[in-house]
Amino acid sequence: MIAEPPGQRIACVHQPHYLPWLGLIDKIDRSDVYVVLDTVQFERRGWQNRNYIAGESGRQLLTVPVIQTARDERILDKQIDNTQKWRTKHLRALLNHSYRSAPHLDEYREEISRLYEQRWEHMVELSISTTLLILGAFGIDTPVVRASRLGEFTGRKSELIAQVCNAADADTLLSGDGARDYLDVDLLKQHGIEVEWQGFEHPVYPQRNGGSDGFTSHLAAIDLLFNAGPASLELLRSARRPL
């Protein structure tokens, strides 16, 4: 875990992901607040409306169809294409195919089913709901807030992140290592925001549908949940590198 100086408030600021992967769940667990960055442009072919689960013969991609309008449409405005029967397809893939014999499926079957029984109009609401489901099942109680509810932000890129952190009363940003190439650390410091790097290590755990080497990483976090159940958070935390 991150050693927190007195008064330090750590934020992770990240775009919403559908059925989020373990790297995002780890980052949220290590933060005092998760700010859902829903005010930026929706990424086509990104992870905001899709993710991988374990398939019978490798990874299976689940994609929520969205309505394509303007290329610069914001995440918070992106609508789901409900003319397609994606809810039935995804629920069957999770409960009846990929994880039908997973050891802990039955513990979460009812909650998963309720999520897919609802009609979702906007992608951000569905993505946040899948994240909250995972956080609750893992036992993570980090508050989740939407950037669009914190105010209007005029900055771009690193300046935007700094403004969001300030609005969330955070003085530290926990960032994934993939942002090292583009995050302007000096600019964030000018706004009073320190940066800590996540250094995520993916846990290895008993997995029903592993790959050729017995394990497939970088799947949706629900894979760990169905395979490890109440032990999921302990497994996630135990993989962290000591600081």
Protein backbone atom coordinates (compact mmCIF):
# COMPACT_ATOMS: atom_id res chain seq x y z
CA MET A 1 0.00 0.00 0.00
CA ILE A 2 1.05 3.62 -0.51
CA ALA A 3 2.38 5.25 2.64
CA GLU A 4 0.32 8.40 3.07
CA PRO A 5 1.83 11.52 4.67
CA PRO A 6 -0.49 13.33 7.11
CA GLY A 7 -3.28 15.03 5.25
CA GLN A 8 -2.43 13.48 1.89
CA ARG A 9 -5.47 12.86 -0.31
CA ILE A 10 -4.82 10.62 -3.28
CA ALA A 11 -6.99 10.69 -6.38
CA CYS A 12 -7.04 8.50 -9.43
CA VAL A 13 -8.54 10.15 -12.48
CA HIS A 14 -9.51 7.74 -15.20
CA GLN A 15 -11.98 7.35 -18.02
CA PRO A 16 -14.82 4.92 -17.29
CA HIS A 17 -14.29 1.36 -18.47
CA TYR A 18 -16.89 -1.29 -19.16
CA LEU A 19 -16.20 -4.33 -16.97
CA PRO A 20 -12.93 -2.72 -15.82
CA TRP A 21 -9.67 -4.63 -15.70
CA LEU A 22 -7.65 -5.27 -12.55
CA GLY A 23 -5.21 -2.41 -13.15
CA LEU A 24 -7.99 0.14 -12.73
CA ILE A 25 -9.46 -1.67 -9.72
CA ASP A 26 -6.02 -1.70 -8.08
CA LYS A 27 -5.62 2.02 -8.70
CA ILE A 28 -9.03 2.79 -7.19
CA ASP A 29 -8.25 0.65 -4.14
CA ARG A 30 -5.05 2.61 -3.52
CA SER A 31 -6.78 5.98 -3.80
CA ASP A 32 -8.94 8.13 -1.55
CA VAL A 33 -11.24 9.08 -4.39
CA TYR A 34 -11.83 7.85 -7.93
CA VAL A 35 -12.82 10.61 -10.33
CA VAL A 36 -14.51 9.23 -13.43
CA LEU A 37 -13.21 11.38 -16.28
CA ASP A 38 -16.41 11.52 -18.31
CA THR A 39 -15.93 14.99 -19.83
CA VAL A 40 -13.34 14.02 -22.45
CA GLN A 41 -13.83 12.61 -25.93
CA PHE A 42 -15.18 9.09 -26.28
CA GLU A 43 -12.52 6.77 -27.69
CA ARG A 44 -13.56 4.55 -30.53
CA ARG A 45 -12.08 1.07 -30.24
CA GLY A 46 -11.07 1.89 -26.68
CA TRP A 47 -12.06 0.25 -23.42
CA GLN A 48 -14.96 2.50 -22.54
CA ASN A 49 -17.47 0.11 -24.08
CA ARG A 50 -15.66 -3.22 -24.25
CA ASN A 51 -13.34 -5.63 -22.48
CA TYR A 52 -12.06 -9.18 -22.55
CA ILE A 53 -13.30 -12.13 -20.54
CA ALA A 54 -12.06 -15.70 -20.59
CA GLY A 55 -13.40 -17.68 -23.53
CA GLU A 56 -13.54 -21.39 -24.23
CA SER A 57 -10.56 -21.12 -26.57
CA GLY A 58 -8.86 -17.91 -25.51
CA ARG A 59 -9.95 -14.39 -24.73
CA GLN A 60 -13.43 -13.25 -25.75
CA LEU A 61 -14.19 -9.60 -26.41
CA LEU A 62 -17.49 -8.22 -25.13
CA THR A 63 -18.48 -4.96 -26.82
CA VAL A 64 -21.45 -2.75 -26.01
CA PRO A 65 -22.71 -1.23 -29.29
CA VAL A 66 -22.90 2.56 -29.24
CA ILE A 67 -24.54 5.09 -31.52
CA GLN A 68 -21.99 6.88 -33.68
CA THR A 69 -22.60 10.60 -34.07
CA ALA A 70 -19.97 13.34 -33.92
CA ARG A 71 -16.35 12.20 -33.68
CA ASP A 72 -15.71 14.60 -30.79
CA GLU A 73 -18.66 13.36 -28.72
CA ARG A 74 -17.94 13.32 -25.00
CA ILE A 75 -18.06 10.16 -22.93
CA LEU A 76 -20.96 11.44 -20.86
CA ASP A 77 -23.06 11.94 -24.01
CA LYS A 78 -22.36 8.60 -25.69
CA GLN A 79 -25.57 6.58 -26.12
CA ILE A 80 -25.92 2.82 -26.30
CA ASP A 81 -27.42 1.22 -29.40
CA ASN A 82 -30.22 -0.77 -27.84
CA THR A 83 -31.53 -1.96 -31.20
CA GLN A 84 -28.98 -4.75 -30.76
CA LYS A 85 -29.51 -7.53 -28.21
CA TRP A 86 -26.17 -7.02 -26.52
CA ARG A 87 -27.46 -7.47 -22.94
CA THR A 88 -28.66 -11.01 -23.60
CA LYS A 89 -25.44 -11.85 -25.44
CA HIS A 90 -23.17 -10.55 -22.67
CA LEU A 91 -25.13 -12.16 -19.86
CA ARG A 92 -25.11 -15.53 -21.60
CA ALA A 93 -21.40 -15.24 -22.27
CA LEU A 94 -20.71 -14.58 -18.59
CA LEU A 95 -23.13 -16.97 -16.90
CA ASN A 96 -23.78 -19.73 -19.41
CA HIS A 97 -20.52 -20.05 -21.29
CA SER A 98 -17.23 -18.58 -20.04
CA TYR A 99 -17.83 -18.95 -16.31
CA ARG A 100 -20.59 -21.51 -16.01
CA SER A 101 -18.40 -23.77 -13.83
CA ALA A 102 -16.35 -21.06 -12.12
CA PRO A 103 -16.15 -21.81 -8.38
CA HIS A 104 -17.67 -18.51 -7.22
CA LEU A 105 -20.13 -17.70 -9.99
CA ASP A 106 -23.23 -18.46 -7.95
CA GLU A 107 -22.25 -15.94 -5.27
CA TYR A 108 -22.62 -13.09 -7.77
CA ARG A 109 -25.07 -14.51 -10.29
CA GLU A 110 -28.10 -12.58 -9.02
CA GLU A 111 -26.35 -9.21 -8.94
CA ILE A 112 -24.86 -9.69 -12.40
CA SER A 113 -28.26 -10.72 -13.75
CA ARG A 114 -29.94 -7.62 -12.31
CA LEU A 115 -27.37 -5.39 -13.99
CA TYR A 116 -28.11 -6.85 -17.42
CA GLU A 117 -31.85 -6.88 -16.89
CA GLN A 118 -31.81 -3.06 -16.75
CA ARG A 119 -32.07 -0.98 -19.90
CA TRP A 120 -29.11 1.38 -20.13
CA GLU A 121 -29.25 4.46 -22.33
CA HIS A 122 -25.82 6.02 -21.78
CA MET A 123 -22.54 4.15 -21.84
CA VAL A 124 -21.05 6.04 -18.91
CA GLU A 125 -23.84 4.94 -16.58
CA LEU A 126 -23.37 1.30 -17.51
CA SER A 127 -19.59 1.51 -17.21
CA ILE A 128 -19.79 3.09 -13.77
CA SER A 129 -22.33 0.49 -12.65
CA THR A 130 -20.06 -2.39 -13.69
CA THR A 131 -17.22 -0.71 -11.79
CA LEU A 132 -19.32 -0.23 -8.66
CA LEU A 133 -20.40 -3.86 -8.83
CA ILE A 134 -16.78 -5.02 -8.90
CA LEU A 135 -15.70 -2.61 -6.16
CA GLY A 136 -18.53 -3.75 -3.91
CA ALA A 137 -17.80 -7.43 -4.52
CA PHE A 138 -14.10 -6.88 -3.80
CA GLY A 139 -14.92 -4.92 -0.64
CA ILE A 140 -13.41 -1.64 -1.87
CA ASP A 141 -15.18 1.45 -0.51
CA THR A 142 -13.27 4.24 -2.31
CA PRO A 143 -15.74 7.03 -3.18
CA VAL A 144 -16.53 7.37 -6.88
CA VAL A 145 -17.41 10.77 -8.36
CA ARG A 146 -17.92 11.98 -11.90
CA ALA A 147 -15.81 14.84 -13.21
CA SER A 148 -18.90 16.30 -14.86
CA ARG A 149 -20.43 16.70 -11.39
CA LEU A 150 -17.42 18.57 -10.02
CA GLY A 151 -17.69 21.60 -12.30
CA GLU A 152 -16.58 22.95 -15.66
CA PHE A 153 -12.96 22.44 -16.69
CA THR A 154 -11.20 24.52 -19.32
CA GLY A 155 -7.82 22.76 -19.31
CA ARG A 156 -6.60 20.02 -21.60
CA LYS A 157 -4.43 16.98 -20.98
CA SER A 158 -2.26 17.41 -17.86
CA GLU A 159 -3.81 20.76 -16.98
CA LEU A 160 -7.25 19.16 -17.06
CA ILE A 161 -6.07 16.41 -14.70
CA ALA A 162 -4.68 19.01 -12.32
CA GLN A 163 -7.94 20.96 -12.34
CA VAL A 164 -9.93 17.80 -11.66
CA CYS A 165 -7.66 16.85 -8.76
CA ASN A 166 -8.08 20.32 -7.27
CA ALA A 167 -11.84 20.09 -7.61
CA ALA A 168 -11.75 16.75 -5.80
CA ASP A 169 -9.66 18.28 -2.97
CA ALA A 170 -6.79 15.94 -3.78
CA ASP A 171 -3.13 16.87 -3.55
CA THR A 172 -1.73 13.68 -5.08
CA LEU A 173 -2.48 11.89 -8.34
CA LEU A 174 -1.96 8.13 -8.53
CA SER A 175 -1.19 7.45 -12.16
CA GLY A 176 -0.61 4.32 -14.19
CA ASP A 177 2.88 3.84 -15.58
CA GLY A 178 1.60 4.14 -19.12
CA ALA A 179 1.15 7.88 -18.56
CA ARG A 180 4.86 8.52 -17.94
CA ASP A 181 5.38 9.46 -21.58
CA TYR A 182 2.75 12.19 -21.69
CA LEU A 183 1.85 13.33 -18.18
CA ASP A 184 3.43 16.73 -17.42
CA VAL A 185 4.55 16.21 -13.82
CA ASP A 186 5.99 19.72 -13.51
CA LEU A 187 2.72 21.29 -14.61
CA LEU A 188 0.80 19.28 -12.02
CA LYS A 189 3.23 20.42 -9.34
CA GLN A 190 2.54 24.02 -10.35
CA HIS A 191 -1.10 23.29 -9.49
CA GLY A 192 -0.10 21.77 -6.14
CA ILE A 193 -0.50 18.16 -7.29
CA GLU A 194 2.19 15.56 -6.64
CA VAL A 195 2.33 12.41 -8.78
CA GLU A 196 2.81 8.85 -7.57
CA TRP A 197 3.20 5.96 -10.00
CA GLN A 198 1.12 2.85 -9.61
CA GLY A 199 3.64 0.23 -10.67
CA PHE A 200 0.87 -2.31 -11.19
CA GLU A 201 1.75 -5.99 -10.96
CA HIS A 202 -0.86 -8.38 -12.29
CA PRO A 203 -1.75 -11.16 -9.84
CA VAL A 204 -1.64 -14.78 -10.95
CA TYR A 205 -4.46 -16.90 -9.57
CA PRO A 206 -6.21 -20.21 -10.21
CA GLN A 207 -8.16 -19.64 -13.41
CA ARG A 208 -10.77 -21.89 -14.94
CA ASN A 209 -10.11 -20.88 -18.55
CA GLY A 210 -6.39 -20.22 -18.64
CA GLY A 211 -4.32 -19.84 -21.77
CA SER A 212 -1.75 -22.27 -23.16
CA ASP A 213 0.53 -21.56 -20.20
CA GLY A 214 -2.31 -22.04 -17.73
CA PHE A 215 -3.08 -18.36 -17.11
CA THR A 216 -4.41 -15.43 -19.15
CA SER A 217 -3.79 -11.95 -17.77
CA HIS A 218 -5.35 -8.56 -18.51
CA LEU A 219 -8.95 -9.74 -18.52
CA ALA A 220 -11.88 -7.93 -16.94
CA ALA A 221 -11.65 -7.98 -13.14
CA ILE A 222 -14.77 -10.11 -13.05
CA ASP A 223 -12.53 -13.02 -14.08
CA LEU A 224 -10.69 -12.86 -10.76
CA LEU A 225 -13.97 -12.42 -8.90
CA PHE A 226 -15.60 -15.52 -10.39
CA ASN A 227 -12.45 -17.58 -9.81
CA ALA A 228 -11.41 -16.36 -6.35
CA GLY A 229 -14.55 -14.85 -4.82
CA PRO A 230 -13.98 -13.27 -1.37
CA ALA A 231 -10.21 -13.75 -1.70
CA SER A 232 -10.04 -11.44 -4.75
CA LEU A 233 -8.93 -8.29 -2.94
CA GLU A 234 -6.24 -10.11 -0.97
CA LEU A 235 -4.86 -11.62 -4.17
CA LEU A 236 -4.88 -8.23 -5.88
CA ARG A 237 -3.04 -6.55 -3.01
CA SER A 238 -0.55 -9.36 -2.52
CA ALA A 239 0.82 -8.86 -6.04
CA ARG A 240 1.92 -5.27 -5.33
CA ARG A 241 5.60 -4.47 -5.29
CA PRO A 242 6.87 -3.19 -1.92
CA LEU A 243 7.70 0.53 -1.97
